[in-house]
Structure formats: structure tokens, C-alpha cells
Amino acid sequence: MKRLLPLLLALLLIASAVCLPSCGKKDEEKKEAAGEITITVEVINKAGEHKEHTVKTAKTNLGDALLEAKIAEGDVGEFGLYIKAVDGEVADWDADQAYWALSKNGEYLMTGASDTPIADGEHYELTYTKG
């Protein structure tokens, strides 16, 4: 019995060392599963002014989150959300080749808003762009 106790304590320490580092990730996964995703959306309008929005959502893609938060307006078709207006400001490609460019942490995204998955803590930009 005297030898069994140190062995059990050693096993308990090893199990703790293996399990504890993953606790933080599990909490984050639980937050996302519970619909507590928070992202930041920075809007850079035609005048170059910046405005940040904090979006809390249960949505899993950027397009749905933007629509839910009423930051963006547009048409949803077979290719997803086509953003026409952000914060009420319209970008009209047909009139003057203006559009809303989508980026994440300053890097232009190669996916549309509906095809961009979101995760807690991410930062996106919508920039009024012409031509």
C-alpha cells in the first residue's frame, strides 16, 4: 500500500498535466457552440472614415452575421451575399464601378461574405472601393 500511494499521485499529476492545457480551448469551443461569437467589423466609407462595429452572433459565416447586425444590405443569390450597402452607404458597380471590398486583418479575402467562416475574436474590414 505504501508503494501504491506514490504511484497513484504520480499518475494523477501526469493526467493533470495532459488535461489542463486543453481546458482553455474547450471553453472557447463551448462559447462558439453556444452562439457567443464576437467579431469586429471595421467599415471604411467613401470619405475614408473608419467606424468599428462589435458583432455578437450565433451565425457561422460573415455574410449572415453582417445581415443580422444590419451592417450590410444586399442580395442573396446562388453565390451568396452580394453586398450593395454598408451602414446605409451604397456602392453601385453599374453606376461608377464602386463595390465593398472585404478583408480580414488588412488582407483581401478571396471568398465572399457568405463563404467566409467566422470565429470568436476575428477582425474584418469592409472598404468602399471604386474601380
C-alpha atoms as a PDB file:
ATOM      1  CA  MET A   1       0.000   0.000   0.000  1.00  0.00           C
ATOM      2  CA  LYS A   2       2.884   2.394   0.771  1.00  0.00           C
ATOM      3  CA  ARG A   3       4.192   1.938  -2.786  1.00  0.00           C
ATOM      4  CA  LEU A   4       0.777   2.306  -4.364  1.00  0.00           C
ATOM      5  CA  LEU A   5       0.115   5.807  -2.995  1.00  0.00           C
ATOM      6  CA  PRO A   6       3.168   7.491  -4.663  1.00  0.00           C
ATOM      7  CA  LEU A   7       2.335   5.720  -7.915  1.00  0.00           C
ATOM      8  CA  LEU A   8      -1.256   6.973  -7.822  1.00  0.00           C
ATOM      9  CA  LEU A   9      -0.084  10.523  -7.058  1.00  0.00           C
ATOM     10  CA  ALA A  10       2.359  10.407  -9.985  1.00  0.00           C
ATOM     11  CA  LEU A  11      -0.404   9.206 -12.333  1.00  0.00           C
ATOM     12  CA  LEU A  12      -2.685  11.973 -11.086  1.00  0.00           C
ATOM     13  CA  LEU A  13      -0.012  14.621 -11.778  1.00  0.00           C
ATOM     14  CA  ILE A  14       0.603  13.272 -15.281  1.00  0.00           C
ATOM     15  CA  ALA A  15      -3.132  13.217 -16.052  1.00  0.00           C
ATOM     16  CA  SER A  16      -3.463  16.823 -14.826  1.00  0.00           C
ATOM     17  CA  ALA A  17      -0.546  17.977 -16.954  1.00  0.00           C
ATOM     18  CA  VAL A  18      -2.107  16.409 -20.049  1.00  0.00           C
ATOM     19  CA  CYS A  19      -5.696  17.591 -19.472  1.00  0.00           C
ATOM     20  CA  LEU A  20      -5.297  21.160 -18.163  1.00  0.00           C
ATOM     21  CA  PRO A  21      -3.782  22.802 -21.287  1.00  0.00           C
ATOM     22  CA  SER A  22      -6.838  21.834 -23.330  1.00  0.00           C
ATOM     23  CA  CYS A  23      -9.323  23.419 -20.896  1.00  0.00           C
ATOM     24  CA  GLY A  24      -8.996  26.919 -22.435  1.00  0.00           C
ATOM     25  CA  LYS A  25      -9.741  25.620 -25.928  1.00  0.00           C
ATOM     26  CA  LYS A  26     -12.764  23.706 -24.716  1.00  0.00           C
ATOM     27  CA  ASP A  27     -14.166  26.857 -23.096  1.00  0.00           C
ATOM     28  CA  GLU A  28     -13.704  28.757 -26.371  1.00  0.00           C
ATOM     29  CA  GLU A  29     -15.373  25.939 -28.335  1.00  0.00           C
ATOM     30  CA  LYS A  30     -18.276  25.940 -25.859  1.00  0.00           C
ATOM     31  CA  LYS A  31     -18.673  29.724 -26.303  1.00  0.00           C
ATOM     32  CA  GLU A  32     -18.834  29.357 -30.068  1.00  0.00           C
ATOM     33  CA  ALA A  33     -21.237  26.407 -29.851  1.00  0.00           C
ATOM     34  CA  ALA A  34     -23.474  28.434 -27.546  1.00  0.00           C
ATOM     35  CA  GLY A  35     -23.633  31.256 -30.094  1.00  0.00           C
ATOM     36  CA  GLU A  36     -21.374  33.679 -28.300  1.00  0.00           C
ATOM     37  CA  ILE A  37     -19.080  34.528 -31.212  1.00  0.00           C
ATOM     38  CA  THR A  38     -17.883  38.135 -31.110  1.00  0.00           C
ATOM     39  CA  ILE A  39     -16.183  39.662 -34.138  1.00  0.00           C
ATOM     40  CA  THR A  40     -15.157  43.202 -35.031  1.00  0.00           C
ATOM     41  CA  VAL A  41     -16.192  44.700 -38.363  1.00  0.00           C
ATOM     42  CA  GLU A  42     -14.445  47.902 -39.379  1.00  0.00           C
ATOM     43  CA  VAL A  43     -16.183  49.947 -42.055  1.00  0.00           C
ATOM     44  CA  ILE A  44     -14.110  52.343 -44.167  1.00  0.00           C
ATOM     45  CA  ASN A  45     -16.585  54.522 -46.053  1.00  0.00           C
ATOM     46  CA  LYS A  46     -16.274  56.537 -49.278  1.00  0.00           C
ATOM     47  CA  ALA A  47     -14.825  59.517 -47.358  1.00  0.00           C
ATOM     48  CA  GLY A  48     -12.174  57.267 -45.778  1.00  0.00           C
ATOM     49  CA  GLU A  49     -13.733  57.461 -42.312  1.00  0.00           C
ATOM     50  CA  HIS A  50     -13.403  54.398 -40.081  1.00  0.00           C
ATOM     51  CA  LYS A  51     -16.155  53.017 -37.875  1.00  0.00           C
ATOM     52  CA  GLU A  52     -15.904  49.820 -35.821  1.00  0.00           C
ATOM     53  CA  HIS A  53     -18.832  47.536 -35.049  1.00  0.00           C
ATOM     54  CA  THR A  54     -18.738  44.790 -32.439  1.00  0.00           C
ATOM     55  CA  VAL A  55     -20.916  41.926 -33.622  1.00  0.00           C
ATOM     56  CA  LYS A  56     -22.136  39.191 -31.277  1.00  0.00           C
ATOM     57  CA  THR A  57     -23.758  36.357 -33.172  1.00  0.00           C
ATOM     58  CA  ALA A  58     -24.594  32.675 -33.391  1.00  0.00           C
ATOM     59  CA  LYS A  59     -24.113  32.800 -37.171  1.00  0.00           C
ATOM     60  CA  THR A  60     -21.275  30.796 -38.682  1.00  0.00           C
ATOM     61  CA  ASN A  61     -20.414  32.936 -41.710  1.00  0.00           C
ATOM     62  CA  LEU A  62     -19.647  36.601 -42.181  1.00  0.00           C
ATOM     63  CA  GLY A  63     -22.479  37.332 -44.612  1.00  0.00           C
ATOM     64  CA  ASP A  64     -25.184  36.116 -42.245  1.00  0.00           C
ATOM     65  CA  ALA A  65     -23.584  37.979 -39.322  1.00  0.00           C
ATOM     66  CA  LEU A  66     -23.451  41.238 -41.304  1.00  0.00           C
ATOM     67  CA  LEU A  67     -27.096  40.933 -42.303  1.00  0.00           C
ATOM     68  CA  GLU A  68     -28.210  40.019 -38.791  1.00  0.00           C
ATOM     69  CA  ALA A  69     -26.352  43.015 -37.311  1.00  0.00           C
ATOM     70  CA  LYS A  70     -27.838  45.260 -40.032  1.00  0.00           C
ATOM     71  CA  ILE A  71     -24.371  46.476 -41.017  1.00  0.00           C
ATOM     72  CA  ALA A  72     -24.720  45.346 -44.624  1.00  0.00           C
ATOM     73  CA  GLU A  73     -27.568  45.127 -47.109  1.00  0.00           C
ATOM     74  CA  GLY A  74     -27.649  43.327 -50.404  1.00  0.00           C
ATOM     75  CA  ASP A  75     -28.963  40.469 -52.464  1.00  0.00           C
ATOM     76  CA  VAL A  76     -28.531  36.807 -51.578  1.00  0.00           C
ATOM     77  CA  GLY A  77     -28.287  34.626 -54.655  1.00  0.00           C
ATOM     78  CA  GLU A  78     -26.743  31.353 -55.713  1.00  0.00           C
ATOM     79  CA  PHE A  79     -23.247  32.740 -54.997  1.00  0.00           C
ATOM     80  CA  GLY A  80     -24.181  34.108 -51.567  1.00  0.00           C
ATOM     81  CA  LEU A  81     -24.493  37.692 -50.349  1.00  0.00           C
ATOM     82  CA  TYR A  82     -23.726  40.479 -52.814  1.00  0.00           C
ATOM     83  CA  ILE A  83     -23.127  43.500 -50.561  1.00  0.00           C
ATOM     84  CA  LYS A  84     -24.684  46.647 -52.010  1.00  0.00           C
ATOM     85  CA  ALA A  85     -24.722  48.939 -48.970  1.00  0.00           C
ATOM     86  CA  VAL A  86     -22.834  49.170 -45.689  1.00  0.00           C
ATOM     87  CA  ASP A  87     -24.018  51.434 -42.874  1.00  0.00           C
ATOM     88  CA  GLY A  88     -26.535  52.811 -45.382  1.00  0.00           C
ATOM     89  CA  GLU A  89     -23.874  53.856 -47.927  1.00  0.00           C
ATOM     90  CA  VAL A  90     -24.443  52.320 -51.363  1.00  0.00           C
ATOM     91  CA  ALA A  91     -21.659  51.150 -53.654  1.00  0.00           C
ATOM     92  CA  ASP A  92     -23.061  50.769 -57.184  1.00  0.00           C
ATOM     93  CA  TRP A  93     -20.858  48.864 -59.614  1.00  0.00           C
ATOM     94  CA  ASP A  94     -23.187  49.608 -62.543  1.00  0.00           C
ATOM     95  CA  ALA A  95     -23.097  53.378 -61.948  1.00  0.00           C
ATOM     96  CA  ASP A  96     -19.425  54.004 -61.201  1.00  0.00           C
ATOM     97  CA  GLN A  97     -17.675  50.652 -60.605  1.00  0.00           C
ATOM     98  CA  ALA A  98     -17.842  51.025 -56.815  1.00  0.00           C
ATOM     99  CA  TYR A  99     -18.006  47.986 -54.536  1.00  0.00           C
ATOM    100  CA  TRP A 100     -17.405  46.913 -50.938  1.00  0.00           C
ATOM    101  CA  ALA A 101     -14.041  45.157 -50.622  1.00  0.00           C
ATOM    102  CA  LEU A 102     -13.854  42.510 -47.918  1.00  0.00           C
ATOM    103  CA  SER A 103     -10.669  41.887 -45.915  1.00  0.00           C
ATOM    104  CA  LYS A 104      -9.577  40.213 -42.700  1.00  0.00           C
ATOM    105  CA  ASN A 105      -6.827  41.832 -40.632  1.00  0.00           C
ATOM    106  CA  GLY A 106      -5.913  44.017 -43.624  1.00  0.00           C
ATOM    107  CA  GLU A 107      -5.607  41.111 -46.093  1.00  0.00           C
ATOM    108  CA  TYR A 108      -8.030  40.995 -49.018  1.00  0.00           C
ATOM    109  CA  LEU A 109     -10.240  37.887 -48.823  1.00  0.00           C
ATOM    110  CA  MET A 110     -10.581  35.554 -51.777  1.00  0.00           C
ATOM    111  CA  THR A 111     -14.008  34.388 -50.573  1.00  0.00           C
ATOM    112  CA  GLY A 112     -17.333  36.144 -50.498  1.00  0.00           C
ATOM    113  CA  ALA A 113     -19.016  37.107 -47.240  1.00  0.00           C
ATOM    114  CA  SER A 114     -21.306  34.057 -47.285  1.00  0.00           C
ATOM    115  CA  ASP A 115     -18.338  31.729 -47.842  1.00  0.00           C
ATOM    116  CA  THR A 116     -16.227  33.235 -45.059  1.00  0.00           C
ATOM    117  CA  PRO A 117     -16.486  31.286 -41.795  1.00  0.00           C
ATOM    118  CA  ILE A 118     -16.132  33.346 -38.627  1.00  0.00           C
ATOM    119  CA  ALA A 119     -14.627  32.611 -35.223  1.00  0.00           C
ATOM    120  CA  ASP A 120     -14.548  34.423 -31.917  1.00  0.00           C
ATOM    121  CA  GLY A 121     -12.236  37.451 -31.782  1.00  0.00           C
ATOM    122  CA  GLU A 122     -11.677  37.924 -35.522  1.00  0.00           C
ATOM    123  CA  HIS A 123     -11.419  41.340 -37.214  1.00  0.00           C
ATOM    124  CA  TYR A 124     -12.845  42.127 -40.661  1.00  0.00           C
ATOM    125  CA  GLU A 125     -12.907  45.246 -42.831  1.00  0.00           C
ATOM    126  CA  LEU A 126     -15.449  46.429 -45.378  1.00  0.00           C
ATOM    127  CA  THR A 127     -13.904  49.137 -47.548  1.00  0.00           C
ATOM    128  CA  TYR A 128     -15.707  51.290 -50.084  1.00  0.00           C
ATOM    129  CA  THR A 129     -13.671  50.809 -53.269  1.00  0.00           C
ATOM    130  CA  LYS A 130     -14.043  52.367 -56.687  1.00  0.00           C
ATOM    131  CA  GLY A 131     -12.858  50.887 -59.964  1.00  0.00           C
END
